[in-house]
Amino acid sequence: MTQLADRVVTDSADIARLTRLIERLPDEGLVELVLVDGSRRSGVVTTRPSLQTFLDPSGREGINAILRFDDLRIENRSCYLWLDEILEIRPIQSDRRDFARPAPGE
């Protein structure tokens, strides 16, 4: 069943852009996101998103994806972002181990 999205993309260049964004979102990776509105969010990628087919409010079918993101400003709460809202992804280097789940045996 197709779900509804605020916006969908259909142009191959736009779909390729979303694909490149997904490639830069590692599972459990610590990143800073720059959104198209100019705002920034820092947090952990809960799970790498995948492209899906959606319908926009006018009934047009297209592609988008939903990112589940643990925003560092919001304690114990995930937020969901449409992938097309992300302009840039910047990895954050951290030596802190509390951003990722421990490896087996730790």
C-alpha atoms as a PDB file:
ATOM      1  CA  MET A   1       0.000   0.000   0.000  1.00  0.00           C
ATOM      2  CA  THR A   2       1.361   3.410  -0.974  1.00  0.00           C
ATOM      3  CA  GLN A   3       1.723   5.963   1.832  1.00  0.00           C
ATOM      4  CA  LEU A   4       1.264   9.716   1.694  1.00  0.00           C
ATOM      5  CA  ALA A   5       4.160  12.182   1.711  1.00  0.00           C
ATOM      6  CA  ASP A   6       4.275  15.964   1.843  1.00  0.00           C
ATOM      7  CA  ARG A   7       6.483  15.951  -1.258  1.00  0.00           C
ATOM      8  CA  VAL A   8       7.692  13.373  -3.746  1.00  0.00           C
ATOM      9  CA  VAL A   9      10.346  13.492  -6.447  1.00  0.00           C
ATOM     10  CA  THR A  10      10.055  11.963  -9.890  1.00  0.00           C
ATOM     11  CA  ASP A  11      12.998  13.451 -11.791  1.00  0.00           C
ATOM     12  CA  SER A  12      15.946  11.060 -12.151  1.00  0.00           C
ATOM     13  CA  ALA A  13      18.410  13.740 -10.947  1.00  0.00           C
ATOM     14  CA  ASP A  14      16.376  14.281  -7.776  1.00  0.00           C
ATOM     15  CA  ILE A  15      16.135  10.530  -7.153  1.00  0.00           C
ATOM     16  CA  ALA A  16      19.907  10.255  -7.635  1.00  0.00           C
ATOM     17  CA  ARG A  17      20.406  13.053  -5.073  1.00  0.00           C
ATOM     18  CA  LEU A  18      18.293  11.172  -2.530  1.00  0.00           C
ATOM     19  CA  THR A  19      20.280   8.004  -3.238  1.00  0.00           C
ATOM     20  CA  ARG A  20      23.558   9.850  -2.585  1.00  0.00           C
ATOM     21  CA  LEU A  21      22.178  11.196   0.697  1.00  0.00           C
ATOM     22  CA  ILE A  22      21.244   7.679   1.810  1.00  0.00           C
ATOM     23  CA  GLU A  23      24.772   6.478   1.046  1.00  0.00           C
ATOM     24  CA  ARG A  24      26.099   9.143   3.457  1.00  0.00           C
ATOM     25  CA  LEU A  25      23.806   8.067   6.325  1.00  0.00           C
ATOM     26  CA  PRO A  26      25.518   5.182   8.136  1.00  0.00           C
ATOM     27  CA  ASP A  27      23.535   3.020  10.556  1.00  0.00           C
ATOM     28  CA  GLU A  28      24.088   4.440  14.044  1.00  0.00           C
ATOM     29  CA  GLY A  29      26.334   7.145  12.589  1.00  0.00           C
ATOM     30  CA  LEU A  30      26.779  10.451  14.379  1.00  0.00           C
ATOM     31  CA  VAL A  31      26.071  13.265  11.905  1.00  0.00           C
ATOM     32  CA  GLU A  32      25.111  16.891  11.553  1.00  0.00           C
ATOM     33  CA  LEU A  33      22.304  17.535   9.083  1.00  0.00           C
ATOM     34  CA  VAL A  34      21.865  20.817   7.254  1.00  0.00           C
ATOM     35  CA  LEU A  35      18.241  21.141   6.187  1.00  0.00           C
ATOM     36  CA  VAL A  36      16.937  23.048   3.170  1.00  0.00           C
ATOM     37  CA  ASP A  37      15.444  25.697   5.481  1.00  0.00           C
ATOM     38  CA  GLY A  38      18.968  26.429   6.788  1.00  0.00           C
ATOM     39  CA  SER A  39      18.500  24.811  10.191  1.00  0.00           C
ATOM     40  CA  ARG A  40      20.905  22.211  11.557  1.00  0.00           C
ATOM     41  CA  ARG A  41      20.418  19.072  13.604  1.00  0.00           C
ATOM     42  CA  SER A  42      23.017  16.862  15.234  1.00  0.00           C
ATOM     43  CA  GLY A  43      22.328  13.304  16.230  1.00  0.00           C
ATOM     44  CA  VAL A  44      22.459   9.617  15.473  1.00  0.00           C
ATOM     45  CA  VAL A  45      21.064   7.910  12.378  1.00  0.00           C
ATOM     46  CA  THR A  46      18.882   5.222  13.941  1.00  0.00           C
ATOM     47  CA  THR A  47      18.628   3.189  10.745  1.00  0.00           C
ATOM     48  CA  ARG A  48      19.683   4.022   7.213  1.00  0.00           C
ATOM     49  CA  PRO A  49      16.536   4.925   5.248  1.00  0.00           C
ATOM     50  CA  SER A  50      15.519   3.420   1.937  1.00  0.00           C
ATOM     51  CA  LEU A  51      13.730   4.973  -1.016  1.00  0.00           C
ATOM     52  CA  GLN A  52      10.016   4.253  -1.131  1.00  0.00           C
ATOM     53  CA  THR A  53       7.075   5.111  -3.336  1.00  0.00           C
ATOM     54  CA  PHE A  54       4.642   7.662  -1.916  1.00  0.00           C
ATOM     55  CA  LEU A  55       1.718   9.782  -3.083  1.00  0.00           C
ATOM     56  CA  ASP A  56       1.842  13.543  -2.556  1.00  0.00           C
ATOM     57  CA  PRO A  57      -1.258  15.512  -1.478  1.00  0.00           C
ATOM     58  CA  SER A  58      -2.331  15.957  -5.121  1.00  0.00           C
ATOM     59  CA  GLY A  59      -2.153  12.189  -5.747  1.00  0.00           C
ATOM     60  CA  ARG A  60       1.081  12.256  -7.760  1.00  0.00           C
ATOM     61  CA  GLU A  61       3.216   9.143  -7.250  1.00  0.00           C
ATOM     62  CA  GLY A  62       6.916   9.583  -6.637  1.00  0.00           C
ATOM     63  CA  ILE A  63       9.903   8.796  -4.451  1.00  0.00           C
ATOM     64  CA  ASN A  64      11.024   9.921  -1.015  1.00  0.00           C
ATOM     65  CA  ALA A  65      12.340   8.350   2.200  1.00  0.00           C
ATOM     66  CA  ILE A  66      11.932   8.831   5.928  1.00  0.00           C
ATOM     67  CA  LEU A  67      14.954   9.166   8.197  1.00  0.00           C
ATOM     68  CA  ARG A  68      14.556   8.104  11.821  1.00  0.00           C
ATOM     69  CA  PHE A  69      16.988  10.309  13.716  1.00  0.00           C
ATOM     70  CA  ASP A  70      17.890  10.567  17.414  1.00  0.00           C
ATOM     71  CA  ASP A  71      18.352  14.313  17.751  1.00  0.00           C
ATOM     72  CA  LEU A  72      20.927  15.144  20.450  1.00  0.00           C
ATOM     73  CA  ARG A  73      18.765  18.061  21.624  1.00  0.00           C
ATOM     74  CA  ILE A  74      15.785  15.809  22.342  1.00  0.00           C
ATOM     75  CA  GLU A  75      16.439  13.310  25.119  1.00  0.00           C
ATOM     76  CA  ASN A  76      15.106   9.768  24.606  1.00  0.00           C
ATOM     77  CA  ARG A  77      13.084  10.707  21.559  1.00  0.00           C
ATOM     78  CA  SER A  78      13.494   9.967  17.889  1.00  0.00           C
ATOM     79  CA  CYS A  79      12.291  12.335  15.241  1.00  0.00           C
ATOM     80  CA  TYR A  80      11.443  11.595  11.632  1.00  0.00           C
ATOM     81  CA  LEU A  81      12.653  13.682   8.708  1.00  0.00           C
ATOM     82  CA  TRP A  82      11.778  13.498   5.036  1.00  0.00           C
ATOM     83  CA  LEU A  83      14.959  12.847   3.108  1.00  0.00           C
ATOM     84  CA  ASP A  84      14.219  15.578   0.550  1.00  0.00           C
ATOM     85  CA  GLU A  85      14.424  18.112   3.425  1.00  0.00           C
ATOM     86  CA  ILE A  86      18.138  17.339   3.910  1.00  0.00           C
ATOM     87  CA  LEU A  87      20.575  19.535   2.030  1.00  0.00           C
ATOM     88  CA  GLU A  88      23.871  18.270   3.441  1.00  0.00           C
ATOM     89  CA  ILE A  89      25.206  15.550   5.757  1.00  0.00           C
ATOM     90  CA  ARG A  90      28.368  16.111   7.781  1.00  0.00           C
ATOM     91  CA  PRO A  91      29.883  13.236   9.759  1.00  0.00           C
ATOM     92  CA  ILE A  92      30.780  14.099  13.345  1.00  0.00           C
ATOM     93  CA  GLN A  93      33.920  12.490  14.666  1.00  0.00           C
ATOM     94  CA  SER A  94      33.657  11.436  18.269  1.00  0.00           C
ATOM     95  CA  ASP A  95      35.645   9.287  20.633  1.00  0.00           C
ATOM     96  CA  ARG A  96      32.605   8.944  22.859  1.00  0.00           C
ATOM     97  CA  ARG A  97      31.318   5.386  22.883  1.00  0.00           C
ATOM     98  CA  ASP A  98      27.844   6.271  24.193  1.00  0.00           C
ATOM     99  CA  PHE A  99      26.672   7.286  20.713  1.00  0.00           C
ATOM    100  CA  ALA A 100      26.796   3.742  19.419  1.00  0.00           C
ATOM    101  CA  ARG A 101      25.706   0.405  20.750  1.00  0.00           C
ATOM    102  CA  PRO A 102      28.505  -1.657  22.265  1.00  0.00           C
ATOM    103  CA  ALA A 103      30.023  -4.359  20.134  1.00  0.00           C
ATOM    104  CA  PRO A 104      29.218  -7.947  21.122  1.00  0.00           C
ATOM    105  CA  GLY A 105      31.302  -9.046  24.078  1.00  0.00           C
ATOM    106  CA  GLU A 106      31.869  -5.536  25.417  1.00  0.00           C
END
